[in-house]
Amino acid sequence: MSVLQSAPSNIALIKYMGKNENSGNVPTNASLSYTLDHLRTFVRLTKISEAADSWSKLEGPDYEPMNLSDKGQGRFLEHFKMLKKHWNVSDHYLIESANNFPADCGLASSASSFAALTLAAAHVFAPTEDLKSLSELSRRGSGSSCRSMFAPWALWQKEFAEPVELPYAKLIHQVILVENSKKDISSSQAHSLVAESSLFPGRVVRAEKRLIELTSALRARDWRKSFEITWSEFWDMHALFSTSTPPFMYMTSGSMQVLEEVLRQWKQNDDGPLVTMDAGANVHLLWREDQAALASAQDKYWQERFRVISSGSEKNS
């Protein structure tokens, strides 16, 4: 018997970057994310007679090509081992997984992957477990995955995430893939490296202040203020990268091209998208529903230059 479950990615507007040592991914500051329901990881669990769990890629026309490194497979299997121990399970399983979006390119594939694995395991081993508990369990494998348990907005402070009531429940999301090759520095490595940045000591205070300001701006439906806060926040995170020891960067000339166009749009229209970037070169845009015409025009503009994945169209090119 097999069970197939999926979980969405999410994009943080107040970032998770930096975690307490030996804490099981407990963050140094709270983060706020918007759930990207159209970007998903699928996990299939099949009970096997072999003496150990194993991983294989899930094949199908709706999935992106996926090859987990030995380290990535080990991390995934270790999380599954922890879940089995938590629920007193001794049987062994084949774990198959795949995304409907490219992995390792600055999209939160780790978040959706570990959330999907946790949900699949819970479906088999503990079908009555509540989402708060599953969020806490998923966090142990990938910190940001705890936010993927909730939609459309999730707030993660310490051990688990929780839903938060905010306006703009149905935003139009676009991610402009200026780079889809595997990252040289993983997000996990970035968490360790930023602690050496001269800017890191004030990071928690800055992030917590922006969290208060952003939730207030969103509740007031102050879109421009929300844009200004999210813009400052992702630049703050990328400044940590470039001032760490050793310094590293994710931004490319393509990233800058998109960011400059976003600023031009805001100046020209006195309106535009919220914009953010994760630990990668790609740029995320979030539009209000009443901005659909603007979003569509930008979608066409960027598809002539890069690959674009948009809400409701996972395989745009």
Protein backbone atom coordinates (compact mmCIF):
# COMPACT_ATOMS: atom_id res chain seq x y z
CA MET A 1 0.00 0.00 0.00
CA SER A 2 1.25 3.49 -0.87
CA VAL A 3 0.34 6.93 0.43
CA LEU A 4 0.93 10.13 -1.55
CA GLN A 5 0.96 13.51 0.17
CA SER A 6 2.09 16.98 -0.86
CA ALA A 7 3.02 20.23 0.83
CA PRO A 8 3.54 23.77 -0.47
CA SER A 9 6.59 25.95 -0.44
CA ASN A 10 6.48 29.32 1.28
CA ILE A 11 8.21 32.66 0.91
CA ALA A 12 9.26 34.58 4.00
CA LEU A 13 8.75 38.33 3.98
CA ILE A 14 10.44 38.59 7.36
CA LYS A 15 13.35 36.20 7.03
CA TYR A 16 14.57 33.19 8.97
CA MET A 17 18.33 33.58 8.83
CA GLY A 18 20.37 32.52 11.83
CA LYS A 19 19.52 29.85 14.37
CA ASN A 20 20.43 28.90 17.91
CA GLU A 21 23.16 26.27 18.08
CA ASN A 22 22.12 22.66 18.75
CA SER A 23 18.49 23.74 18.96
CA GLY A 24 16.92 21.65 16.21
CA ASN A 25 16.46 24.70 13.98
CA VAL A 26 15.00 27.07 16.56
CA PRO A 27 15.46 30.52 14.98
CA THR A 28 17.15 33.58 16.43
CA ASN A 29 14.22 35.74 15.28
CA ALA A 30 10.58 35.30 14.31
CA SER A 31 9.63 35.07 10.63
CA LEU A 32 6.48 35.73 8.62
CA SER A 33 5.72 33.89 5.38
CA TYR A 34 3.17 33.66 2.60
CA THR A 35 2.32 30.12 1.47
CA LEU A 36 2.95 29.30 -2.20
CA ASP A 37 0.30 26.68 -2.82
CA HIS A 38 1.24 26.22 -6.50
CA LEU A 39 4.86 25.24 -5.70
CA ARG A 40 4.68 21.81 -4.12
CA THR A 41 6.68 18.74 -3.16
CA PHE A 42 5.04 15.32 -3.49
CA VAL A 43 6.08 12.40 -1.29
CA ARG A 44 4.96 8.80 -1.70
CA LEU A 45 5.54 6.25 1.07
CA THR A 46 5.44 2.53 0.28
CA LYS A 47 5.98 -0.17 2.88
CA ILE A 48 8.81 -2.54 1.88
CA SER A 49 10.24 -5.81 3.18
CA GLU A 50 13.85 -4.64 3.01
CA ALA A 51 15.93 -4.12 6.15
CA ALA A 52 16.23 -0.34 5.76
CA ASP A 53 14.38 2.69 4.47
CA SER A 54 15.39 4.00 1.05
CA TRP A 55 14.81 7.02 -1.17
CA SER A 56 14.07 7.30 -4.89
CA LYS A 57 12.90 10.13 -7.10
CA LEU A 58 9.19 10.21 -7.88
CA GLU A 59 8.72 10.05 -11.64
CA GLY A 60 5.91 11.54 -13.67
CA PRO A 61 5.06 14.20 -16.27
CA ASP A 62 4.01 16.73 -13.62
CA TYR A 63 7.32 16.60 -11.76
CA GLU A 64 10.61 18.40 -12.33
CA PRO A 65 13.75 16.25 -12.75
CA MET A 66 15.18 15.67 -9.29
CA ASN A 67 18.39 14.10 -8.05
CA LEU A 68 19.09 14.29 -4.34
CA SER A 69 22.77 14.16 -3.39
CA ASP A 70 23.91 11.46 -0.99
CA LYS A 71 23.95 14.12 1.72
CA GLY A 72 20.43 15.23 0.80
CA GLN A 73 19.14 11.65 0.83
CA GLY A 74 20.80 11.07 4.19
CA ARG A 75 19.17 14.14 5.67
CA PHE A 76 15.75 13.11 4.34
CA LEU A 77 16.08 9.54 5.62
CA GLU A 78 17.34 10.76 8.99
CA HIS A 79 14.24 12.92 9.38
CA PHE A 80 12.03 9.95 8.51
CA LYS A 81 13.93 7.86 11.08
CA MET A 82 13.20 10.52 13.71
CA LEU A 83 9.51 10.51 12.80
CA LYS A 84 9.33 6.72 13.05
CA LYS A 85 11.00 6.80 16.45
CA HIS A 86 8.58 9.50 17.61
CA TRP A 87 5.60 7.33 16.63
CA ASN A 88 7.18 3.98 17.64
CA VAL A 89 7.28 2.58 14.10
CA SER A 90 9.70 -0.21 13.17
CA ASP A 91 8.59 -1.00 9.59
CA HIS A 92 10.66 0.16 6.63
CA TYR A 93 9.54 2.27 3.69
CA LEU A 94 10.51 3.43 0.25
CA ILE A 95 10.32 7.23 0.15
CA GLU A 96 9.76 8.74 -3.30
CA SER A 97 9.73 12.50 -3.73
CA ALA A 98 9.63 15.16 -6.43
CA ASN A 99 8.82 18.84 -6.87
CA ASN A 100 6.76 20.60 -9.50
CA PHE A 101 9.46 23.32 -9.47
CA PRO A 102 13.29 23.33 -9.71
CA ALA A 103 15.15 22.37 -6.53
CA ASP A 104 18.32 24.02 -5.15
CA CYS A 105 17.89 27.36 -6.88
CA GLY A 106 16.60 29.66 -4.17
CA LEU A 107 13.05 28.30 -4.07
CA ALA A 108 12.15 26.78 -0.74
CA SER A 109 12.28 23.13 -1.82
CA SER A 110 13.62 22.09 1.57
CA ALA A 111 10.56 23.59 3.26
CA SER A 112 8.03 21.82 1.05
CA SER A 113 10.03 18.57 1.01
CA PHE A 114 10.26 18.10 4.77
CA ALA A 115 6.69 19.28 5.30
CA ALA A 116 5.46 16.76 2.70
CA LEU A 117 7.48 13.94 4.27
CA THR A 118 6.15 14.80 7.72
CA LEU A 119 2.56 14.92 6.43
CA ALA A 120 2.95 11.61 4.59
CA ALA A 121 4.41 9.92 7.67
CA ALA A 122 1.65 11.33 9.87
CA HIS A 123 -0.99 10.09 7.42
CA VAL A 124 0.34 6.55 7.89
CA PHE A 125 1.51 6.58 11.52
CA ALA A 126 -0.55 9.24 13.33
CA PRO A 127 -3.55 10.41 11.28
CA THR A 128 -5.06 12.38 14.19
CA GLU A 129 -1.94 14.45 14.91
CA ASP A 130 -2.67 18.19 14.82
CA LEU A 131 -0.87 20.60 12.50
CA LYS A 132 0.83 22.45 15.35
CA SER A 133 2.53 19.23 16.45
CA LEU A 134 3.42 18.36 12.86
CA SER A 135 4.87 21.83 12.41
CA GLU A 136 7.16 21.27 15.40
CA LEU A 137 8.25 17.86 14.10
CA SER A 138 8.86 19.15 10.58
CA ARG A 139 10.96 22.04 11.93
CA ARG A 140 13.53 19.55 13.22
CA GLY A 141 14.30 18.51 9.66
CA SER A 142 14.06 21.93 7.99
CA GLY A 143 13.31 25.08 9.92
CA SER A 144 11.25 26.86 7.29
CA SER A 145 9.18 23.72 6.64
CA CYS A 146 7.20 24.37 9.81
CA ARG A 147 5.61 27.37 8.06
CA SER A 148 4.44 25.21 5.13
CA MET A 149 1.81 23.59 7.37
CA PHE A 150 -0.34 26.72 7.30
CA ALA A 151 -1.86 29.07 4.72
CA PRO A 152 -2.04 31.72 3.54
CA TRP A 153 0.09 33.42 6.22
CA ALA A 154 2.28 31.73 8.83
CA LEU A 155 4.19 33.13 11.79
CA TRP A 156 7.11 31.15 13.22
CA GLN A 157 8.57 32.28 16.51
CA LYS A 158 10.25 29.35 18.27
CA GLU A 159 9.37 25.63 18.24
CA PHE A 160 6.46 25.70 15.80
CA ALA A 161 4.64 27.94 13.34
CA GLU A 162 1.02 28.99 13.52
CA PRO A 163 -1.48 30.61 11.18
CA VAL A 164 -1.89 34.36 11.42
CA GLU A 165 -4.91 36.33 10.24
CA LEU A 166 -3.88 39.03 7.77
CA PRO A 167 -5.48 40.67 4.71
CA TYR A 168 -4.43 39.65 1.21
CA ALA A 169 -5.32 35.98 1.50
CA LYS A 170 -5.12 35.50 -2.29
CA LEU A 171 -2.02 37.14 -3.71
CA ILE A 172 -0.68 36.55 -7.21
CA HIS A 173 2.80 35.07 -6.95
CA GLN A 174 5.54 35.13 -9.56
CA VAL A 175 9.07 33.85 -9.19
CA ILE A 176 11.51 34.94 -11.87
CA LEU A 177 14.14 32.25 -12.31
CA VAL A 178 17.23 34.19 -13.28
CA GLU A 179 19.31 31.17 -12.25
CA ASN A 180 18.27 27.52 -11.95
CA SER A 181 21.58 25.80 -11.28
CA LYS A 182 22.42 24.27 -7.90
CA LYS A 183 23.57 26.78 -5.30
CA ASP A 184 27.23 26.82 -4.28
CA ILE A 185 26.29 27.69 -0.68
CA SER A 186 23.29 25.87 0.77
CA SER A 187 20.81 27.60 3.05
CA SER A 188 22.10 25.49 5.96
CA GLN A 189 25.64 26.69 5.30
CA ALA A 190 24.40 30.27 5.07
CA HIS A 191 22.85 30.02 8.54
CA SER A 192 26.27 29.19 9.98
CA LEU A 193 28.26 31.70 7.94
CA VAL A 194 26.12 34.76 8.69
CA ALA A 195 26.90 34.47 12.39
CA GLU A 196 30.37 35.81 11.51
CA SER A 197 29.00 38.93 9.82
CA SER A 198 29.66 42.24 11.57
CA LEU A 199 25.98 43.05 10.88
CA PHE A 200 24.62 39.96 12.63
CA PRO A 201 24.63 41.25 16.26
CA GLY A 202 21.83 43.71 15.45
CA ARG A 203 19.94 41.33 13.18
CA VAL A 204 17.39 40.08 15.72
CA VAL A 205 16.37 43.60 16.76
CA ARG A 206 16.03 44.73 13.13
CA ALA A 207 13.99 41.69 12.11
CA GLU A 208 11.65 41.84 15.09
CA LYS A 209 11.06 45.56 14.49
CA ARG A 210 10.22 44.91 10.84
CA LEU A 211 7.87 42.08 11.82
CA ILE A 212 5.83 44.46 13.95
CA GLU A 213 5.90 47.12 11.24
CA LEU A 214 4.96 44.72 8.44
CA THR A 215 2.03 43.07 10.21
CA SER A 216 0.78 46.55 11.10
CA ALA A 217 1.15 47.76 7.49
CA LEU A 218 -0.61 44.69 6.08
CA ARG A 219 -3.49 45.01 8.53
CA ALA A 220 -3.81 48.67 7.55
CA ARG A 221 -3.67 47.60 3.88
CA ASP A 222 -0.77 50.00 3.39
CA TRP A 223 0.72 48.30 0.34
CA ARG A 224 3.51 50.82 -0.27
CA LYS A 225 4.70 50.60 3.33
CA SER A 226 4.60 46.80 3.07
CA PHE A 227 6.75 47.01 -0.06
CA GLU A 228 9.28 49.27 1.66
CA ILE A 229 9.59 46.94 4.65
CA THR A 230 9.95 43.73 2.63
CA TRP A 231 12.47 45.44 0.35
CA SER A 232 14.62 46.48 3.32
CA GLU A 233 14.30 43.04 4.90
CA PHE A 234 15.63 40.94 2.03
CA TRP A 235 18.47 43.41 1.44
CA ASP A 236 19.33 43.10 5.14
CA MET A 237 19.64 39.33 4.75
CA HIS A 238 21.74 39.55 1.60
CA ALA A 239 23.99 42.10 3.33
CA LEU A 240 24.69 39.42 5.95
CA PHE A 241 25.85 37.10 3.19
CA SER A 242 28.24 39.61 1.65
CA THR A 243 29.74 40.60 5.01
CA SER A 244 30.19 37.11 6.46
CA THR A 245 33.56 35.40 6.85
CA PRO A 246 34.19 34.30 4.17
CA PRO A 247 31.82 36.54 2.20
CA PHE A 248 29.51 35.02 -0.41
CA MET A 249 26.73 36.21 -2.69
CA TYR A 250 23.61 34.84 -4.34
CA MET A 251 22.61 37.90 -6.35
CA THR A 252 23.48 37.99 -10.03
CA SER A 253 23.20 40.56 -12.80
CA GLY A 254 19.84 38.95 -13.62
CA SER A 255 18.65 39.54 -10.05
CA MET A 256 19.61 43.20 -10.29
CA GLN A 257 17.87 43.53 -13.65
CA VAL A 258 14.60 42.36 -12.10
CA LEU A 259 14.98 44.53 -8.99
CA GLU A 260 15.69 47.63 -11.06
CA GLU A 261 12.57 46.97 -13.16
CA VAL A 262 10.47 46.60 -10.00
CA LEU A 263 11.66 50.01 -8.81
CA ARG A 264 10.90 51.49 -12.23
CA GLN A 265 7.38 50.05 -12.11
CA TRP A 266 6.75 51.52 -8.67
CA LYS A 267 8.01 54.93 -9.79
CA GLN A 268 6.00 54.88 -13.02
CA ASN A 269 2.72 53.54 -11.63
CA ASP A 270 2.94 54.58 -7.98
CA ASP A 271 2.12 50.93 -7.41
CA GLY A 272 3.77 47.57 -7.85
CA PRO A 273 4.46 44.20 -6.26
CA LEU A 274 5.94 43.25 -2.95
CA VAL A 275 9.36 41.87 -3.76
CA THR A 276 11.66 39.54 -1.87
CA MET A 277 14.48 37.06 -2.36
CA ASP A 278 15.47 33.97 -0.43
CA ALA A 279 18.96 32.49 -0.24
CA GLY A 280 19.33 32.40 -4.01
CA ALA A 281 19.40 34.57 -7.11
CA ASN A 282 15.73 34.33 -8.02
CA VAL A 283 13.23 37.10 -7.34
CA HIS A 284 9.73 36.66 -5.90
CA LEU A 285 6.93 39.10 -6.66
CA LEU A 286 3.58 39.23 -4.84
CA TRP A 287 0.70 41.17 -6.38
CA ARG A 288 -2.75 42.04 -5.08
CA GLU A 289 -5.71 40.56 -6.94
CA ASP A 290 -6.69 44.00 -8.24
CA GLN A 291 -3.21 44.26 -9.82
CA ALA A 292 -3.89 41.30 -12.13
CA ALA A 293 -3.40 43.35 -15.30
CA LEU A 294 -0.05 44.70 -14.08
CA ALA A 295 1.02 41.22 -13.01
CA SER A 296 0.07 39.75 -16.39
CA ALA A 297 2.04 42.42 -18.25
CA GLN A 298 5.10 41.77 -16.09
CA ASP A 299 4.71 38.02 -16.59
CA LYS A 300 4.87 38.45 -20.37
CA TYR A 301 7.78 40.90 -20.09
CA TRP A 302 9.93 38.55 -18.01
CA GLN A 303 9.06 35.39 -19.94
CA GLU A 304 10.93 36.90 -22.89
CA ARG A 305 14.06 37.01 -20.73
CA PHE A 306 13.87 34.31 -18.06
CA ARG A 307 11.73 31.41 -16.95
CA VAL A 308 8.77 32.55 -14.85
CA ILE A 309 6.64 30.40 -12.56
CA SER A 310 3.33 32.03 -11.65
CA SER A 311 0.34 31.16 -9.50
CA GLY A 312 -1.83 28.66 -11.33
CA SER A 313 0.82 27.91 -13.95
CA GLU A 314 3.59 25.78 -12.46
CA LYS A 315 5.32 25.09 -15.76
CA ASN A 316 5.57 28.48 -17.42
CA SER A 317 8.65 28.97 -19.54
